[in-house]
Amino acid sequence: TAQKQAMRKIVAFAHAAKAHVHLVAHPRKAMDEKHAPGKLDVAGSGHITNGADNVFSVWSARKEDGQDPDSTDAKLELLKDRDDAGRHTVYLYFNKDANQYTTDPNRRGYQYIKFSTQPNTHGEPQYVE
C-alpha cells in the first residue's frame, strides 16, 4: 500500500541520516474522549505504527463538571520502542499563564529563554545569559 511504501522510505531516510523523524498521525474516532488512544487506534493502516521505531500517544484530558481540577491535564505515553526500553508514561499539567504543559503537579511554568522586558538600544527585547 501507499502508507507502507511511505513508511519504508521515511524509516530508510531516518536510518541513513541517523536522524529522528516525527510523523504525526491522528487517531480514529473513539467512542468517547475519556481514554487515551493506543497504538492500534492510529487512523489508516497498521503500517504506520508497524514501521515506526517509536510510537508515542499524546492525549489531552477532557475534564467534566465536578472533576478534580488538580487531576492531570494530558498524558504523553511511549507505546512502542524498537530498542525495547519498555513503556513509559508522563503525566502533564497545563499552566495557563505560561501556555505550556509541565510535569509539575503545581503547574509551575518554565522559562526556557531568559530575557528582559527592557528594550536594547535597537528597541528589541534583551536576551540574558
Protein backbone atom coordinates (compact mmCIF):
# COMPACT_ATOMS: atom_id res chain seq x y z
CA THR A 1 0.00 0.00 0.00
CA ALA A 2 0.99 3.65 -0.29
CA GLN A 3 1.25 4.02 3.50
CA LYS A 4 3.57 1.02 3.76
CA GLN A 5 5.82 2.40 0.99
CA ALA A 6 5.84 5.85 2.60
CA MET A 7 6.81 4.38 5.98
CA ARG A 8 9.62 2.34 4.40
CA LYS A 9 11.01 5.49 2.77
CA ILE A 10 10.75 7.53 5.97
CA VAL A 11 12.43 4.80 8.06
CA ALA A 12 15.18 4.30 5.45
CA PHE A 13 15.87 8.04 5.41
CA ALA A 14 15.95 8.23 9.23
CA HIS A 15 18.39 5.33 9.50
CA ALA A 16 20.63 6.57 6.65
CA ALA A 17 20.72 10.12 8.04
CA LYS A 18 20.98 8.92 11.67
CA ALA A 19 18.06 11.21 12.41
CA HIS A 20 14.74 11.10 14.19
CA VAL A 21 11.68 11.75 12.07
CA HIS A 22 8.42 12.65 13.79
CA LEU A 23 5.34 11.70 11.81
CA VAL A 24 2.07 12.88 13.34
CA ALA A 25 -0.84 10.52 12.76
CA HIS A 26 -4.24 11.20 14.23
CA PRO A 27 -6.35 8.53 15.93
CA ARG A 28 -9.57 7.08 14.63
CA LYS A 29 -12.77 8.45 16.12
CA ALA A 30 -13.27 6.88 19.54
CA MET A 31 -16.47 6.13 21.41
CA ASP A 32 -15.55 8.91 23.85
CA GLU A 33 -12.59 11.11 24.75
CA LYS A 34 -12.16 9.75 28.29
CA HIS A 35 -9.38 7.32 27.33
CA ALA A 36 -6.05 7.93 25.62
CA PRO A 37 -5.62 6.33 22.19
CA GLY A 38 -3.37 3.30 21.83
CA LYS A 39 -1.05 2.07 19.10
CA LEU A 40 -3.90 0.31 17.29
CA ASP A 41 -6.06 3.45 17.29
CA VAL A 42 -3.98 5.28 14.67
CA ALA A 43 -6.08 6.18 11.64
CA GLY A 44 -5.16 4.48 8.37
CA SER A 45 -3.45 1.14 8.13
CA GLY A 46 -1.30 -0.59 10.72
CA HIS A 47 1.78 0.06 8.56
CA ILE A 48 2.30 3.44 10.21
CA THR A 49 2.86 2.03 13.70
CA ASN A 50 4.37 -1.25 12.49
CA GLY A 51 7.12 0.53 10.53
CA ALA A 52 7.90 3.14 13.17
CA ASP A 53 10.79 2.70 15.61
CA ASN A 54 8.90 4.59 18.31
CA VAL A 55 5.21 5.33 18.78
CA PHE A 56 4.01 8.00 21.19
CA SER A 57 0.49 8.90 22.19
CA VAL A 58 -0.30 12.45 23.24
CA TRP A 59 -3.68 12.81 24.86
CA SER A 60 -5.41 15.85 26.31
CA ALA A 61 -7.95 15.02 29.01
CA ARG A 62 -11.43 16.46 28.64
CA LYS A 63 -12.47 17.49 32.13
CA GLU A 64 -16.10 17.29 33.12
CA ASP A 65 -18.00 19.37 35.66
CA GLY A 66 -17.21 18.23 39.17
CA GLN A 67 -13.96 16.54 38.17
CA ASP A 68 -10.92 17.26 40.36
CA PRO A 69 -9.28 20.41 38.89
CA ASP A 70 -5.91 19.19 40.21
CA SER A 71 -6.03 15.99 38.16
CA THR A 72 -3.72 15.55 35.19
CA ASP A 73 -4.49 17.58 32.05
CA ALA A 74 -2.68 15.43 29.49
CA LYS A 75 -0.61 12.31 29.07
CA LEU A 76 2.45 11.52 26.92
CA GLU A 77 2.92 7.78 26.58
CA LEU A 78 5.58 5.71 24.81
CA LEU A 79 3.59 2.87 23.23
CA LYS A 80 6.35 1.26 21.16
CA ASP A 81 10.12 1.34 21.41
CA ARG A 82 12.17 -0.63 18.91
CA ASP A 83 15.08 -0.65 21.41
CA ASP A 84 12.74 -2.27 23.98
CA ALA A 85 13.18 0.27 26.75
CA GLY A 86 9.63 -0.52 27.84
CA ARG A 87 6.52 1.59 28.08
CA HIS A 88 6.73 4.92 29.82
CA THR A 89 4.06 7.44 30.74
CA VAL A 90 4.49 11.11 31.64
CA TYR A 91 1.53 12.94 33.15
CA LEU A 92 1.26 16.61 32.23
CA TYR A 93 -0.35 19.64 33.84
CA PHE A 94 -1.29 22.80 31.95
CA ASN A 95 -0.08 26.22 33.11
CA LYS A 96 -2.48 28.76 31.58
CA ASP A 97 -0.29 31.83 32.25
CA ALA A 98 2.77 30.28 30.54
CA ASN A 99 0.60 28.49 27.95
CA GLN A 100 2.66 25.33 28.39
CA TYR A 101 2.42 21.81 29.73
CA THR A 102 4.65 20.82 32.63
CA THR A 103 5.35 17.68 34.65
CA ASP A 104 4.97 19.74 37.84
CA PRO A 105 1.62 18.99 39.56
CA ASN A 106 1.73 22.58 40.89
CA ARG A 107 1.63 23.75 37.27
CA ARG A 108 4.72 25.97 37.52
CA GLY A 109 5.83 27.26 34.13
CA TYR A 110 9.41 27.07 32.92
CA GLN A 111 11.29 29.95 31.30
CA TYR A 112 13.40 28.38 28.55
CA ILE A 113 14.95 31.64 27.35
CA LYS A 114 15.75 34.34 29.85
CA PHE A 115 15.10 37.84 28.60
CA SER A 116 14.47 41.30 29.89
CA THR A 117 11.40 43.31 29.05
CA GLN A 118 13.66 46.38 28.86
CA PRO A 119 14.46 47.06 25.21
CA ASN A 120 18.03 47.19 23.99
CA THR A 121 19.42 50.13 22.03
CA HIS A 122 17.55 48.87 18.93
CA GLY A 123 14.19 48.73 20.75
CA GLU A 124 14.20 44.89 20.84
CA PRO A 125 13.88 42.63 23.92
CA GLN A 126 17.21 41.75 25.51
CA TYR A 127 18.24 38.13 25.89
CA VAL A 128 20.16 37.48 29.09
CA GLU A 129 22.70 34.69 29.54
